[in-house]
Amino acid sequence: MKAIASVGSGNSLTISRSATKHDLSGNTQESYAPPMSVVGVEQLDGLVSGTSDIAIDFVRDWREAASRLTAADRTAFQHGYWLGPWYQAFDDVAPLIAVISDAATGKDIAMVPMISHVRRGIRIVEFADLGVSDNNAPILSPGATPGAAAGAIGKALVEGLRALPDRFDLLRLRKMPVEVGGRPNPLVSMGRIGSSSLNGNLVLMGDDYADYQASIKRMQMPRSWRVFTRHAGARFEIATDVARAHELMDVMDVQQQARMRKLGSPFVLNDAAHARFYREVVRRGIAERYAVVSALVCDDGVVATALGVTHGATYYLLRISHGGDPWANCSPGLLVAERTMAALHAEGVRRFDLSIGNQDYKRRFGAERVPLTDVSVALTWRGLPYAWRDHAAQGLRRYPAVAALAARAMGKGTR
């Protein structure tokens, strides 16, 4: 294999390579690769072949990268209304966006929004996430067919990162869905589907919301609504302007912090960076219904709130808060979620993802688990122990009983 790397102004570096038959261990690399194996957690069990050149341009500024690929397939968490505020708010990490193109035509085919940071002396590259996104994925050009060269794209990404002067040690790609906009996610081929400890929780509905209500009748949502509406001024609302949405988010922060304090758990979503991020997402997305801030309100105040984002016919529920024990008789957390689903269903939404995590209420809502995939690749010898550890953890997840036993032995509990 022949590879060419050229460094530009310092903000980007372009890698071109011809995709030929090779395995994903990295042993066949002929340039800019140390004489060692690259360990990819749950690698492809076979060969990768392709015919077209792939070029990768690493961009250090999100706005510059975003201008390269506007019309594209993505999930809600790769939308400009999400990533723009993200890169602004979490400015203590370094942006590193890989723009992947066809070297022969120069046409961009995919973009991978990432960051780099140092943890315990290890230089890590990962998605722009830091725990706030429900999934991570590349952004795919609608005219490209990256699924056919999925392995080649993943391989080129690893080689490109290893060629950078930053000398990154570890690539971690976490919480990846199998598909992006109904098309294969080309980076999932580097790992094993379902290897993530987290999963989505998807509720699929038909056109008649009454049918769905009947399927969850044991939750007694109509009864909870009747109990709630006995209070003067009781109503459900979805904020339609930024000022009202931010008012509700202020309440959300207070209610969630009180809940976490009661549980003895830390709460960070109201710190400066997170607060700035969520409010900017809402500011940008409220008018187009990308950001949805909903609430149960009465004359006594705001009883419960919910924050979510929509993309196409899918709604992602991200945060829920409620006023606590005084309102327990109307199950306000569940009720605000159900009322939000009903309102959005009337607007054409048919897919409702209740976020990562496997709380019991999600099964009661009829949610089915959606597998997500993790990949770890050592870029230098310093990254090898971390990739091996990730690999071992992912292997354990195939055996939940063993994983639970190991977690208890380490005093961590189940994830």
Protein backbone atom coordinates (compact mmCIF):
# COMPACT_ATOMS: atom_id res chain seq x y z
CA MET A 1 0.00 0.00 0.00
CA LYS A 2 1.23 3.47 -0.82
CA ALA A 3 0.22 6.49 1.18
CA ILE A 4 0.91 10.20 0.85
CA ALA A 5 0.57 12.75 3.65
CA SER A 6 0.81 16.48 3.07
CA VAL A 7 0.68 19.14 5.79
CA GLY A 8 -0.96 22.43 4.99
CA SER A 9 -1.23 25.63 7.01
CA GLY A 10 -1.28 23.88 10.37
CA ASN A 11 -5.04 23.68 10.66
CA SER A 12 -5.43 20.64 8.46
CA LEU A 13 -3.60 17.66 7.04
CA THR A 14 -4.68 15.57 4.09
CA ILE A 15 -4.04 11.83 3.77
CA SER A 16 -4.56 9.97 0.50
CA ARG A 17 -4.38 6.23 0.12
CA SER A 18 -5.43 3.51 -2.32
CA ALA A 19 -7.66 0.91 -0.71
CA THR A 20 -6.13 -2.50 -1.37
CA LYS A 21 -6.61 -5.91 0.20
CA HIS A 22 -5.30 -6.01 3.74
CA ASP A 23 -6.46 -6.86 7.24
CA LEU A 24 -7.32 -4.28 9.89
CA SER A 25 -4.48 -5.10 12.27
CA GLY A 26 -2.32 -2.43 10.69
CA ASN A 27 0.61 -4.77 10.15
CA THR A 28 0.81 -4.12 6.40
CA GLN A 29 1.30 -0.36 6.65
CA GLU A 30 4.31 0.88 4.73
CA SER A 31 4.54 4.47 5.87
CA TYR A 32 3.97 6.74 8.91
CA ALA A 33 3.15 3.67 11.01
CA PRO A 34 5.29 2.34 13.87
CA PRO A 35 6.37 -1.30 13.45
CA MET A 36 3.60 -2.63 15.65
CA SER A 37 0.05 -3.91 15.56
CA VAL A 38 -2.88 -1.53 15.76
CA VAL A 39 -5.41 -3.11 18.08
CA GLY A 40 -8.98 -2.44 17.02
CA VAL A 41 -11.54 -3.62 19.52
CA GLU A 42 -13.82 -6.15 17.80
CA GLN A 43 -12.14 -5.75 14.40
CA LEU A 44 -13.41 -7.07 11.10
CA ASP A 45 -12.85 -10.80 10.84
CA GLY A 46 -11.49 -10.79 7.32
CA LEU A 47 -10.16 -8.64 4.54
CA VAL A 48 -11.04 -5.19 3.33
CA SER A 49 -10.97 -4.38 -0.35
CA GLY A 50 -11.76 -1.31 -2.35
CA THR A 51 -10.90 0.42 -5.60
CA SER A 52 -11.15 4.17 -5.06
CA ASP A 53 -8.73 6.53 -3.38
CA ILE A 54 -9.76 8.06 -0.09
CA ALA A 55 -8.53 11.44 1.12
CA ILE A 56 -8.88 12.67 4.69
CA ASP A 57 -8.60 16.30 5.68
CA PHE A 58 -8.33 16.98 9.43
CA VAL A 59 -9.89 20.34 10.26
CA ARG A 60 -9.46 22.07 13.62
CA ASP A 61 -12.45 24.41 13.36
CA TRP A 62 -16.05 23.20 13.36
CA ARG A 63 -17.44 26.09 11.35
CA GLU A 64 -14.91 25.52 8.60
CA ALA A 65 -15.67 21.79 8.53
CA ALA A 66 -19.45 22.30 8.62
CA SER A 67 -19.32 24.43 5.50
CA ARG A 68 -17.88 21.47 3.60
CA LEU A 69 -20.85 19.13 3.99
CA THR A 70 -24.21 20.83 4.47
CA ALA A 71 -26.83 18.57 2.88
CA ALA A 72 -26.12 15.17 4.41
CA ASP A 73 -27.51 12.19 6.30
CA ARG A 74 -27.00 12.38 10.04
CA THR A 75 -28.73 11.71 13.34
CA ALA A 76 -30.06 14.48 15.58
CA PHE A 77 -26.72 14.55 17.42
CA GLN A 78 -24.72 15.44 14.33
CA HIS A 79 -27.07 18.28 13.41
CA GLY A 80 -25.55 21.75 13.19
CA TYR A 81 -27.90 22.92 15.94
CA TRP A 82 -26.28 20.34 18.23
CA LEU A 83 -22.62 20.33 17.21
CA GLY A 84 -22.31 24.09 16.76
CA PRO A 85 -23.28 24.80 20.40
CA TRP A 86 -21.26 21.77 21.52
CA TYR A 87 -17.95 22.99 20.10
CA GLN A 88 -18.64 26.48 21.50
CA ALA A 89 -19.52 25.36 25.01
CA PHE A 90 -16.91 22.66 25.61
CA ASP A 91 -13.90 24.70 24.63
CA ASP A 92 -11.44 22.96 26.95
CA VAL A 93 -10.96 20.19 24.37
CA ALA A 94 -9.48 20.55 20.89
CA PRO A 95 -11.75 20.15 17.84
CA LEU A 96 -10.57 17.56 15.31
CA ILE A 97 -12.99 16.97 12.45
CA ALA A 98 -12.12 14.41 9.79
CA VAL A 99 -13.50 15.28 6.35
CA ILE A 100 -13.36 12.20 4.12
CA SER A 101 -13.47 12.58 0.36
CA ASP A 102 -12.97 10.73 -2.89
CA ALA A 103 -9.41 11.57 -3.85
CA ALA A 104 -10.15 11.14 -7.56
CA THR A 105 -13.11 13.52 -7.70
CA GLY A 106 -12.49 15.65 -4.62
CA LYS A 107 -16.09 15.11 -3.55
CA ASP A 108 -16.66 14.92 0.20
CA ILE A 109 -18.33 11.67 1.21
CA ALA A 110 -18.32 11.78 5.01
CA MET A 111 -17.37 13.81 8.04
CA VAL A 112 -16.44 12.56 11.51
CA PRO A 113 -16.89 15.23 14.25
CA MET A 114 -14.25 14.51 16.88
CA ILE A 115 -12.09 16.08 19.57
CA SER A 116 -8.73 15.37 21.13
CA HIS A 117 -7.75 15.65 24.77
CA VAL A 118 -5.24 14.27 27.23
CA ARG A 119 -6.27 11.98 30.07
CA ARG A 120 -3.73 10.50 32.46
CA GLY A 121 -1.04 11.35 29.98
CA ILE A 122 -2.73 9.50 27.10
CA ARG A 123 -3.64 11.52 24.01
CA ILE A 124 -7.16 10.43 23.09
CA VAL A 125 -9.28 11.11 20.01
CA GLU A 126 -13.03 10.55 20.33
CA PHE A 127 -16.36 11.86 19.15
CA ALA A 128 -17.53 15.33 20.18
CA ASP A 129 -19.71 14.02 22.98
CA LEU A 130 -18.46 14.17 26.61
CA GLY A 131 -21.55 12.29 27.68
CA VAL A 132 -24.27 14.62 26.37
CA SER A 133 -25.10 12.85 23.08
CA ASP A 134 -27.23 9.72 22.89
CA ASN A 135 -25.33 8.46 19.86
CA ASN A 136 -22.33 9.37 17.72
CA ALA A 137 -21.84 8.80 14.02
CA PRO A 138 -20.22 10.17 10.89
CA ILE A 139 -22.13 12.61 8.73
CA LEU A 140 -22.68 11.05 5.30
CA SER A 141 -22.97 12.78 1.95
CA PRO A 142 -26.30 11.82 0.32
CA GLY A 143 -24.64 11.13 -3.03
CA ALA A 144 -21.92 8.85 -1.69
CA THR A 145 -22.06 5.13 -1.00
CA PRO A 146 -19.62 4.68 1.91
CA GLY A 147 -21.21 1.38 2.93
CA ALA A 148 -19.45 -0.34 0.04
CA ALA A 149 -16.06 0.83 1.32
CA ALA A 150 -16.81 0.88 5.03
CA GLY A 151 -13.67 -0.94 6.06
CA ALA A 152 -11.52 1.24 3.83
CA ILE A 153 -12.94 4.40 5.42
CA GLY A 154 -12.25 3.16 8.93
CA LYS A 155 -8.77 2.06 7.97
CA ALA A 156 -8.02 5.40 6.33
CA LEU A 157 -9.22 7.26 9.42
CA VAL A 158 -6.84 5.28 11.65
CA GLU A 159 -3.92 5.76 9.28
CA GLY A 160 -4.63 9.46 8.96
CA LEU A 161 -4.69 9.95 12.72
CA ARG A 162 -1.40 8.11 13.07
CA ALA A 163 0.16 10.37 10.44
CA LEU A 164 -0.67 13.58 12.29
CA PRO A 165 2.17 15.29 14.15
CA ASP A 166 0.09 15.26 17.37
CA ARG A 167 1.10 11.63 18.02
CA PHE A 168 -2.30 10.57 19.32
CA ASP A 169 -2.31 7.35 21.36
CA LEU A 170 -5.89 6.10 21.27
CA LEU A 171 -9.01 6.37 19.12
CA ARG A 172 -12.30 5.72 20.88
CA LEU A 173 -15.56 5.71 18.92
CA ARG A 174 -18.47 5.12 21.26
CA LYS A 175 -22.26 4.77 21.05
CA MET A 176 -22.44 4.33 17.28
CA PRO A 177 -25.76 3.36 15.66
CA VAL A 178 -25.77 0.72 12.94
CA GLU A 179 -27.34 3.09 10.43
CA VAL A 180 -27.26 6.80 9.70
CA GLY A 181 -30.27 8.09 7.81
CA GLY A 182 -31.18 4.53 6.81
CA ARG A 183 -27.70 3.88 5.40
CA PRO A 184 -24.94 1.69 6.87
CA ASN A 185 -22.66 3.46 9.31
CA PRO A 186 -19.22 2.88 7.76
CA LEU A 187 -17.38 3.03 11.11
CA VAL A 188 -19.43 0.26 12.75
CA SER A 189 -17.58 -2.28 10.60
CA MET A 190 -14.53 -1.66 12.81
CA GLY A 191 -16.32 -3.18 15.81
CA ARG A 192 -18.99 -5.61 16.94
CA ILE A 193 -22.61 -4.48 16.80
CA GLY A 194 -23.98 -4.09 20.30
CA SER A 195 -20.56 -3.91 21.96
CA SER A 196 -21.48 -0.68 23.77
CA SER A 197 -22.65 -0.87 27.37
CA LEU A 198 -25.38 1.58 26.39
CA ASN A 199 -28.31 1.28 24.00
CA GLY A 200 -31.12 3.32 22.59
CA ASN A 201 -34.73 2.71 23.65
CA LEU A 202 -37.05 3.11 20.72
CA VAL A 203 -40.84 3.29 20.69
CA LEU A 204 -42.35 2.83 17.23
CA MET A 205 -45.90 4.06 16.68
CA GLY A 206 -48.47 3.77 13.95
CA ASP A 207 -50.71 6.54 12.73
CA ASP A 208 -53.37 6.11 15.44
CA TYR A 209 -52.14 7.35 18.81
CA ALA A 210 -55.13 5.75 20.51
CA ASP A 211 -53.69 2.35 19.59
CA TYR A 212 -50.48 3.22 21.38
CA GLN A 213 -52.37 4.51 24.42
CA ALA A 214 -54.20 1.21 24.60
CA SER A 215 -50.88 -0.67 24.51
CA ILE A 216 -49.65 1.15 27.63
CA LYS A 217 -52.97 1.23 29.50
CA ARG A 218 -51.37 -0.30 32.61
CA MET A 219 -49.44 2.92 33.09
CA GLN A 220 -52.79 4.68 33.70
CA MET A 221 -51.73 7.88 31.99
CA PRO A 222 -55.34 9.09 31.49
CA ARG A 223 -55.85 8.77 35.25
CA SER A 224 -52.64 10.70 35.94
CA TRP A 225 -53.84 13.45 33.59
CA ARG A 226 -57.20 13.65 35.37
CA VAL A 227 -55.48 13.95 38.73
CA PHE A 228 -53.17 16.66 37.45
CA THR A 229 -55.93 18.70 35.79
CA ARG A 230 -57.77 19.02 39.11
CA HIS A 231 -55.27 21.74 39.94
CA ALA A 232 -56.22 25.26 38.94
CA GLY A 233 -54.74 26.34 35.64
CA ALA A 234 -53.35 22.87 34.88
CA ARG A 235 -52.11 22.51 31.33
CA PHE A 236 -49.47 20.95 29.11
CA GLU A 237 -47.37 23.25 26.96
CA ILE A 238 -44.53 23.20 24.47
CA ALA A 239 -42.46 26.38 24.49
CA THR A 240 -42.68 28.29 21.23
CA ASP A 241 -40.15 31.04 21.92
CA VAL A 242 -36.65 31.14 23.32
CA ALA A 243 -37.46 33.19 26.41
CA ARG A 244 -40.13 30.76 27.62
CA ALA A 245 -38.00 27.76 26.78
CA HIS A 246 -35.13 29.16 28.85
CA GLU A 247 -37.48 29.84 31.77
CA LEU A 248 -38.54 26.20 31.75
CA MET A 249 -34.93 25.07 31.52
CA ASP A 250 -34.09 27.12 34.60
CA VAL A 251 -36.77 25.18 36.45
CA MET A 252 -35.49 21.93 34.96
CA ASP A 253 -32.03 22.57 36.35
CA VAL A 254 -33.39 23.26 39.84
CA GLN A 255 -35.68 20.23 39.85
CA GLN A 256 -33.05 17.85 38.51
CA GLN A 257 -30.44 19.09 40.94
CA ALA A 258 -32.85 18.55 43.85
CA ARG A 259 -33.55 15.04 42.62
CA MET A 260 -29.87 14.17 42.25
CA ARG A 261 -29.08 15.59 45.70
CA LYS A 262 -31.80 13.41 47.20
CA LEU A 263 -30.26 10.37 45.48
CA GLY A 264 -26.78 11.36 46.61
CA SER A 265 -25.58 11.64 43.01
CA PRO A 266 -23.52 14.43 41.42
CA PHE A 267 -25.23 16.81 39.03
CA VAL A 268 -23.28 18.69 36.35
CA LEU A 269 -25.90 19.66 33.78
CA ASN A 270 -26.28 23.11 35.31
CA ASP A 271 -22.58 23.99 35.38
CA ALA A 272 -21.40 26.81 33.12
CA ALA A 273 -20.47 24.68 30.10
CA HIS A 274 -23.52 22.39 30.14
CA ALA A 275 -25.96 25.21 30.83
CA ARG A 276 -24.50 27.24 27.98
CA PHE A 277 -24.65 24.24 25.64
CA TYR A 278 -28.27 23.25 26.27
CA ARG A 279 -29.55 26.82 26.12
CA GLU A 280 -27.76 27.48 22.84
CA VAL A 281 -29.21 24.28 21.34
CA VAL A 282 -32.65 25.54 22.34
CA ARG A 283 -31.98 29.06 21.08
CA ARG A 284 -31.00 27.79 17.66
CA GLY A 285 -33.53 25.00 17.33
CA ILE A 286 -36.76 26.05 19.03
CA ALA A 287 -38.30 27.82 16.02
CA GLU A 288 -37.87 24.84 13.70
CA ARG A 289 -39.01 22.33 16.34
CA TYR A 290 -35.55 20.75 16.41
CA ALA A 291 -35.39 21.52 20.13
CA VAL A 292 -38.53 20.70 22.10
CA VAL A 293 -39.01 22.04 25.62
CA SER A 294 -42.29 20.87 27.16
CA ALA A 295 -43.88 21.17 30.58
CA LEU A 296 -46.78 20.49 32.90
CA VAL A 297 -47.82 23.81 34.40
CA CYS A 298 -50.52 24.99 36.79
CA ASP A 299 -51.21 28.04 38.92
CA ASP A 300 -48.86 26.67 41.57
CA GLY A 301 -45.94 26.69 39.14
CA VAL A 302 -44.05 24.36 36.82
CA VAL A 303 -44.72 20.77 37.87
CA ALA A 304 -42.57 18.87 35.34
CA THR A 305 -40.42 19.57 32.30
CA ALA A 306 -38.88 17.65 29.41
CA LEU A 307 -36.18 18.48 26.89
CA GLY A 308 -35.71 16.64 23.64
CA VAL A 309 -34.66 17.06 20.03
CA THR A 310 -36.29 15.91 16.80
CA HIS A 311 -34.83 14.86 13.49
CA GLY A 312 -37.20 13.86 10.74
CA ALA A 313 -39.83 11.56 12.24
CA THR A 314 -37.73 10.77 15.34
CA TYR A 315 -37.84 12.43 18.75
CA TYR A 316 -35.06 11.90 21.30
CA LEU A 317 -36.04 12.47 24.93
CA LEU A 318 -32.98 13.84 26.73
CA ARG A 319 -33.96 15.24 30.11
CA ILE A 320 -36.96 15.04 32.45
CA SER A 321 -37.57 16.86 35.72
CA HIS A 322 -40.45 17.12 38.16
CA GLY A 323 -41.41 18.78 41.42
CA GLY A 324 -40.93 15.72 43.59
CA ASP A 325 -43.06 14.03 46.24
CA PRO A 326 -45.88 16.62 46.49
CA TRP A 327 -46.87 15.72 42.93
CA ALA A 328 -46.31 11.97 43.07
CA ASN A 329 -50.02 11.13 42.80
CA CYS A 330 -50.04 12.23 39.13
CA SER A 331 -46.67 10.68 38.11
CA PRO A 332 -45.50 13.99 36.61
CA GLY A 333 -42.28 12.67 35.05
CA LEU A 334 -44.07 9.94 33.14
CA LEU A 335 -46.98 12.23 32.33
CA VAL A 336 -44.89 15.01 30.80
CA ALA A 337 -43.12 12.43 28.63
CA GLU A 338 -46.39 10.88 27.46
CA ARG A 339 -48.03 14.24 26.77
CA THR A 340 -44.98 15.29 24.75
CA MET A 341 -45.16 12.10 22.72
CA ALA A 342 -48.87 12.67 22.06
CA ALA A 343 -48.33 16.24 20.91
CA LEU A 344 -45.45 15.33 18.60
CA HIS A 345 -47.31 12.34 17.22
CA ALA A 346 -50.01 14.75 16.11
CA GLU A 347 -47.28 16.63 14.21
CA GLY A 348 -46.12 13.49 12.38
CA VAL A 349 -43.43 12.06 14.66
CA ARG A 350 -43.59 8.25 14.78
CA ARG A 351 -40.30 7.22 16.39
CA PHE A 352 -39.60 8.09 20.01
CA ASP A 353 -36.20 7.29 21.49
CA LEU A 354 -36.35 7.45 25.29
CA SER A 355 -32.58 7.90 25.57
CA ILE A 356 -29.75 5.63 26.64
CA GLY A 357 -30.02 3.77 29.93
CA ASN A 358 -32.43 1.01 30.81
CA GLN A 359 -34.74 2.32 33.51
CA ASP A 360 -37.86 0.24 34.02
CA TYR A 361 -40.25 2.96 32.87
CA LYS A 362 -38.89 2.69 29.32
CA ARG A 363 -40.07 -0.90 29.06
CA ARG A 364 -43.45 0.21 30.38
CA PHE A 365 -43.61 2.72 27.54
CA GLY A 366 -42.99 -0.17 25.15
CA ALA A 367 -39.45 0.78 24.17
CA GLU A 368 -37.27 -1.79 22.45
CA ARG A 369 -33.50 -1.78 22.93
CA VAL A 370 -31.45 -0.48 20.00
CA PRO A 371 -27.83 -1.73 20.02
CA LEU A 372 -24.94 0.69 19.83
CA THR A 373 -21.35 -0.08 18.96
CA ASP A 374 -18.02 0.89 20.57
CA VAL A 375 -14.62 0.76 18.86
CA SER A 376 -11.18 1.34 20.38
CA VAL A 377 -7.98 1.44 18.33
CA ALA A 378 -4.46 1.89 19.69
CA LEU A 379 -2.60 4.47 17.61
CA THR A 380 0.72 4.07 19.46
CA TRP A 381 2.18 1.58 21.90
CA ARG A 382 1.04 3.88 24.73
CA GLY A 383 -2.56 3.30 23.72
CA LEU A 384 -2.33 -0.50 23.65
CA PRO A 385 -3.24 -1.19 27.33
CA TYR A 386 -6.30 1.03 27.04
CA ALA A 387 -7.46 -0.61 23.82
CA TRP A 388 -6.95 -4.05 25.39
CA ARG A 389 -8.93 -2.99 28.45
CA ASP A 390 -11.76 -1.68 26.28
CA HIS A 391 -11.67 -4.91 24.31
CA ALA A 392 -11.96 -6.99 27.47
CA ALA A 393 -14.89 -4.91 28.73
CA GLN A 394 -16.71 -5.26 25.43
CA GLY A 395 -16.13 -9.00 25.46
CA LEU A 396 -17.62 -9.28 28.93
CA ARG A 397 -20.79 -7.57 27.74
CA ARG A 398 -21.62 -10.67 25.73
CA TYR A 399 -22.09 -12.41 29.08
CA PRO A 400 -24.17 -10.12 31.34
CA ALA A 401 -23.96 -12.40 34.40
CA VAL A 402 -20.16 -12.48 34.25
CA ALA A 403 -20.02 -8.73 33.62
CA ALA A 404 -22.21 -8.08 36.66
CA LEU A 405 -20.02 -10.31 38.81
CA ALA A 406 -16.87 -8.52 37.63
CA ALA A 407 -18.44 -5.12 38.29
CA ARG A 408 -19.40 -6.09 41.83
CA ALA A 409 -15.89 -7.46 42.44
CA MET A 410 -14.47 -4.07 41.44
CA GLY A 411 -17.07 -2.25 43.51
CA LYS A 412 -18.56 -0.46 40.52
CA GLY A 413 -22.00 -1.99 40.23
CA THR A 414 -23.61 -2.74 36.89
CA ARG A 415 -23.52 -0.16 34.14
